[in-house]
Amino acid sequence: MALSKYLLPGSHHYRGYVGYGGSYDLVGALQFNVLTYVGLREKHSLLDIGCGSLRAGRLFIPYLKPGKYFGIDPNKWLIDDAIKYELGRDLIRIKRPTFSYDDNFTLTTFAKEFDYLLAASIFSHAPQKQIRRCLSEAKQVMKRNSIFVATYFEGKSSYTGDKWVYPGGVTYTPQHMMEMIGEHGLTFRRFDWPVPSSQVWILIYYPENAKNIPNADDEAKILNLRNRFRSRILSKFVQPLFLKSK
């Protein structure tokens, strides 16, 4: 476990496979923090899209009431290792999370609607066809007041390939992202919250729910947290690990 902090993205280790091993705990905490900030409470249901090795799931599962956490990922071994090394079978028995091992974003497989959805570092690696598939499925499992929290790499051009890119990532312009989201009757708002890369957070929702969506410009509420976490990420995790990978 001590060596996990040196793992690079894509390593065949449950911590390293999903990103830099040294930032595994902090990235999970950031995801937990942003979800609770925008309104997630223990009573709510959460769909963790691309839950991987439960980097954030290991925090959500104990927090949420039994039967409220749902995770979907194509790599069963990641979830199995996370349960073995991070959570334990007793907690799984008590909290009763549900998992699906699907590689086509079949979010409707759970046959239920969710209060919150999370897709961290998914659109940042996915081609347009997969993003559209995910959004199509998400719309079918979102309530009218649901919030879908996601990240992507914002850029001056949009990825036109048809392959998942990892390690590495792909960019989309804000206009293109808005178009893809708008095709499904949804809209989004950028949300300024720390993330250990040049990705940006977005909140996806039904237009009529706009009044309930936190304002990304509300500096009074998030300025201190944002600056503190951002400085920690840049100085302690991202830059040193990037240099080691050269």
Protein backbone atom coordinates (compact mmCIF):
# COMPACT_ATOMS: atom_id res chain seq x y z
CA MET A 1 0.00 0.00 0.00
CA ALA A 2 2.85 2.40 0.83
CA LEU A 3 4.16 2.12 -2.71
CA SER A 4 0.78 3.06 -4.20
CA LYS A 5 1.66 6.77 -4.04
CA TYR A 6 4.25 6.24 -6.80
CA LEU A 7 1.81 4.57 -9.19
CA LEU A 8 1.05 6.29 -12.50
CA PRO A 9 -2.36 6.36 -14.24
CA GLY A 10 -3.14 3.07 -15.90
CA SER A 11 -0.96 0.99 -13.56
CA HIS A 12 -2.33 -2.49 -12.88
CA HIS A 13 -3.10 -1.68 -9.28
CA TYR A 14 -6.53 -0.70 -8.08
CA ARG A 15 -5.29 2.69 -6.86
CA GLY A 16 -2.96 3.47 -9.73
CA TYR A 17 -5.29 2.31 -12.49
CA VAL A 18 -7.68 5.21 -11.87
CA GLY A 19 -5.07 7.98 -11.57
CA TYR A 20 -1.93 9.02 -9.70
CA GLY A 21 -1.61 6.76 -6.69
CA GLY A 22 -0.45 9.60 -4.48
CA SER A 23 -3.63 11.59 -4.98
CA TYR A 24 -6.05 8.68 -4.56
CA ASP A 25 -7.31 9.81 -1.17
CA LEU A 26 -7.50 13.54 -1.96
CA VAL A 27 -9.32 13.12 -5.26
CA GLY A 28 -11.91 10.92 -3.59
CA ALA A 29 -12.36 13.52 -0.86
CA LEU A 30 -12.79 16.30 -3.43
CA GLN A 31 -15.56 14.34 -5.14
CA PHE A 32 -17.27 13.69 -1.82
CA ASN A 33 -16.99 17.36 -0.89
CA VAL A 34 -18.42 18.70 -4.13
CA LEU A 35 -21.40 16.32 -3.98
CA THR A 36 -22.24 17.23 -0.39
CA TYR A 37 -21.76 20.91 -1.19
CA VAL A 38 -24.34 20.79 -3.99
CA GLY A 39 -26.82 19.03 -1.73
CA LEU A 40 -26.15 15.30 -1.38
CA ARG A 41 -27.30 13.97 2.01
CA GLU A 42 -27.36 10.48 3.49
CA LYS A 43 -30.99 9.95 2.51
CA HIS A 44 -30.33 10.52 -1.21
CA SER A 45 -29.56 7.98 -3.92
CA LEU A 46 -26.32 8.33 -5.87
CA LEU A 47 -25.22 6.80 -9.16
CA ASP A 48 -21.42 6.77 -9.46
CA ILE A 49 -20.65 6.44 -13.19
CA GLY A 50 -17.23 4.93 -13.78
CA CYS A 51 -16.88 4.21 -10.07
CA GLY A 52 -13.61 2.34 -10.70
CA SER A 53 -11.84 1.28 -7.51
CA LEU A 54 -14.30 3.26 -5.37
CA ARG A 55 -11.90 6.15 -4.93
CA ALA A 56 -14.90 8.26 -3.90
CA GLY A 57 -17.22 5.30 -3.32
CA ARG A 58 -15.29 4.30 -0.20
CA LEU A 59 -16.50 7.62 1.28
CA PHE A 60 -20.00 7.64 -0.20
CA ILE A 61 -20.89 4.08 0.79
CA PRO A 62 -20.39 4.55 4.57
CA TYR A 63 -22.07 7.97 4.42
CA LEU A 64 -25.24 7.08 2.53
CA LYS A 65 -28.06 5.06 4.03
CA PRO A 66 -28.22 1.35 3.08
CA GLY A 67 -29.15 0.67 -0.52
CA LYS A 68 -28.51 4.25 -1.68
CA TYR A 69 -25.16 3.87 -3.48
CA PHE A 70 -25.01 2.51 -7.03
CA GLY A 71 -21.80 2.13 -9.00
CA ILE A 72 -21.20 1.20 -12.62
CA ASP A 73 -17.84 0.34 -14.18
CA PRO A 74 -16.61 -2.13 -16.83
CA ASN A 75 -13.71 -3.33 -14.67
CA LYS A 76 -15.05 -5.70 -12.03
CA TRP A 77 -11.58 -6.35 -10.63
CA LEU A 78 -11.27 -2.70 -9.57
CA ILE A 79 -14.42 -2.88 -7.49
CA ASP A 80 -13.45 -6.28 -6.06
CA ASP A 81 -10.03 -5.00 -5.00
CA ALA A 82 -11.52 -1.85 -3.46
CA ILE A 83 -13.93 -3.94 -1.41
CA LYS A 84 -11.11 -6.25 -0.32
CA TYR A 85 -8.54 -3.58 0.57
CA GLU A 86 -10.55 -0.43 1.35
CA LEU A 87 -14.06 -1.27 2.56
CA GLY A 88 -14.40 -4.86 3.73
CA ARG A 89 -17.28 -7.27 3.33
CA ASP A 90 -18.95 -6.28 6.60
CA LEU A 91 -19.52 -2.71 5.40
CA ILE A 92 -20.84 -4.01 2.07
CA ARG A 93 -23.27 -6.23 3.95
CA ILE A 94 -24.46 -3.33 6.12
CA LYS A 95 -24.71 -0.64 3.44
CA ARG A 96 -25.83 -2.86 0.55
CA PRO A 97 -24.37 -0.95 -2.43
CA THR A 98 -25.34 -2.15 -5.90
CA PHE A 99 -22.85 -2.57 -8.76
CA SER A 100 -23.07 -3.14 -12.49
CA TYR A 101 -20.11 -4.18 -14.64
CA ASP A 102 -21.07 -2.50 -17.89
CA ASP A 103 -18.97 -0.93 -20.65
CA ASN A 104 -21.77 0.86 -22.50
CA PHE A 105 -23.13 3.32 -19.91
CA THR A 106 -26.33 1.33 -19.40
CA LEU A 107 -27.47 3.42 -16.46
CA THR A 108 -31.04 2.16 -16.82
CA THR A 109 -29.88 -1.30 -15.75
CA PHE A 110 -30.71 -0.38 -12.14
CA ALA A 111 -34.35 0.35 -13.05
CA LYS A 112 -34.57 3.39 -10.80
CA GLU A 113 -34.16 7.16 -10.73
CA PHE A 114 -31.39 8.91 -8.82
CA ASP A 115 -31.16 12.12 -6.85
CA TYR A 116 -27.53 12.65 -7.81
CA LEU A 117 -25.24 11.31 -10.51
CA LEU A 118 -21.45 11.57 -10.67
CA ALA A 119 -19.15 11.11 -13.67
CA ALA A 120 -15.69 12.20 -12.52
CA SER A 121 -12.96 11.90 -15.17
CA ILE A 122 -15.27 10.16 -17.63
CA PHE A 123 -16.08 12.78 -20.27
CA SER A 124 -12.40 13.74 -20.09
CA HIS A 125 -11.47 10.45 -21.78
CA ALA A 126 -14.57 9.58 -23.78
CA PRO A 127 -15.42 10.06 -27.46
CA GLN A 128 -18.55 11.94 -28.41
CA LYS A 129 -20.59 8.81 -29.05
CA GLN A 130 -19.97 7.56 -25.52
CA ILE A 131 -20.77 10.94 -23.97
CA ARG A 132 -24.03 11.07 -25.91
CA ARG A 133 -24.84 7.52 -24.84
CA CYS A 134 -24.16 8.41 -21.21
CA LEU A 135 -26.30 11.55 -21.40
CA SER A 136 -29.14 9.67 -23.08
CA GLU A 137 -29.12 7.09 -20.32
CA ALA A 138 -28.69 9.71 -17.62
CA LYS A 139 -31.79 11.59 -18.73
CA GLN A 140 -33.83 8.43 -18.27
CA VAL A 141 -32.69 7.97 -14.66
CA MET A 142 -32.76 11.62 -13.57
CA LYS A 143 -35.64 13.11 -11.64
CA ARG A 144 -36.72 16.60 -12.62
CA ASN A 145 -34.72 17.97 -9.66
CA SER A 146 -31.68 15.69 -9.98
CA ILE A 147 -28.15 17.05 -10.29
CA PHE A 148 -25.58 15.32 -12.48
CA VAL A 149 -22.03 16.29 -11.49
CA ALA A 150 -19.30 15.70 -14.07
CA THR A 151 -15.84 16.81 -15.18
CA TYR A 152 -14.24 17.27 -18.58
CA PHE A 153 -11.18 18.83 -20.17
CA GLU A 154 -12.17 22.20 -21.59
CA GLY A 155 -10.26 23.15 -24.72
CA LYS A 156 -10.25 25.16 -27.93
CA SER A 157 -11.10 22.11 -30.02
CA SER A 158 -13.28 19.03 -29.62
CA TYR A 159 -12.13 15.44 -29.87
CA THR A 160 -13.44 13.76 -33.03
CA GLY A 161 -12.02 10.27 -32.55
CA ASP A 162 -14.09 7.24 -31.60
CA LYS A 163 -11.81 5.64 -29.00
CA TRP A 164 -11.59 5.95 -25.22
CA VAL A 165 -8.30 7.74 -24.46
CA TYR A 166 -6.50 6.67 -21.27
CA PRO A 167 -3.95 7.39 -19.92
CA GLY A 168 -4.21 10.84 -21.38
CA GLY A 169 -7.38 12.73 -22.13
CA VAL A 170 -9.47 14.56 -24.68
CA THR A 171 -10.85 18.10 -24.85
CA TYR A 172 -14.18 19.62 -25.78
CA THR A 173 -15.13 23.23 -26.25
CA PRO A 174 -17.79 24.59 -23.88
CA GLN A 175 -20.02 25.17 -26.89
CA HIS A 176 -19.72 21.58 -28.05
CA MET A 177 -20.34 20.24 -24.56
CA MET A 178 -23.41 22.44 -24.29
CA GLU A 179 -24.68 21.13 -27.64
CA MET A 180 -24.28 17.49 -26.61
CA ILE A 181 -26.00 18.09 -23.30
CA GLY A 182 -28.71 20.20 -24.91
CA GLU A 183 -29.54 17.41 -27.36
CA HIS A 184 -31.02 15.54 -24.40
CA GLY A 185 -33.12 18.37 -23.04
CA LEU A 186 -30.59 19.18 -20.31
CA THR A 187 -28.33 22.13 -19.62
CA PHE A 188 -25.22 22.70 -17.52
CA ARG A 189 -23.44 25.23 -15.38
CA ARG A 190 -19.72 25.35 -14.80
CA PHE A 191 -18.82 24.94 -11.13
CA ASP A 192 -15.52 26.28 -9.82
CA TRP A 193 -14.27 23.58 -7.46
CA PRO A 194 -10.77 22.07 -7.06
CA VAL A 195 -9.77 19.22 -9.35
CA PRO A 196 -6.23 17.77 -9.66
CA SER A 197 -5.79 18.56 -13.35
CA SER A 198 -6.98 21.10 -15.89
CA GLN A 199 -10.43 19.54 -15.87
CA VAL A 200 -13.47 21.61 -14.96
CA TRP A 201 -16.54 20.65 -12.98
CA ILE A 202 -19.99 21.02 -14.49
CA LEU A 203 -23.46 20.56 -13.01
CA ILE A 204 -25.96 19.05 -15.47
CA TYR A 205 -29.67 19.46 -14.83
CA TYR A 206 -33.11 20.06 -16.28
CA PRO A 207 -33.54 23.75 -17.19
CA GLU A 208 -36.55 24.13 -14.89
CA ASN A 209 -34.35 23.15 -11.94
CA ALA A 210 -31.96 26.09 -12.44
CA LYS A 211 -33.10 27.90 -9.30
CA ASN A 212 -31.90 24.99 -7.16
CA ILE A 213 -28.43 24.76 -8.69
CA PRO A 214 -25.56 26.33 -6.69
CA ASN A 215 -24.09 29.40 -8.31
CA ALA A 216 -20.54 28.83 -9.46
CA ASP A 217 -19.76 32.53 -8.87
CA ASP A 218 -20.63 32.41 -5.17
CA GLU A 219 -17.07 33.14 -4.08
CA ALA A 220 -18.06 33.87 -0.49
CA LYS A 221 -18.90 30.21 0.06
CA ILE A 222 -16.13 28.38 -1.76
CA LEU A 223 -13.13 30.69 -2.11
CA ASN A 224 -11.24 29.47 0.94
CA LEU A 225 -11.80 25.78 0.25
CA ARG A 226 -10.92 26.17 -3.41
CA ASN A 227 -7.65 27.95 -2.80
CA ARG A 228 -6.56 25.66 0.02
CA PHE A 229 -7.19 22.44 -1.89
CA ARG A 230 -5.80 23.78 -5.15
CA SER A 231 -2.49 24.77 -3.56
CA ARG A 232 -2.20 21.37 -1.88
CA ILE A 233 -2.90 19.53 -5.12
CA LEU A 234 -0.43 21.49 -7.22
CA SER A 235 2.42 21.52 -4.72
CA LYS A 236 2.16 18.08 -3.18
CA PHE A 237 0.68 15.74 -5.76
CA VAL A 238 0.41 16.76 -9.39
CA GLN A 239 3.73 18.45 -10.11
CA PRO A 240 6.03 15.97 -8.29
CA LEU A 241 4.29 12.98 -9.81
CA PHE A 242 4.33 14.53 -13.27
CA LEU A 243 8.06 15.05 -13.04
CA LYS A 244 8.61 11.46 -11.94
CA SER A 245 6.73 10.22 -14.98
CA LYS A 246 9.12 11.91 -17.39
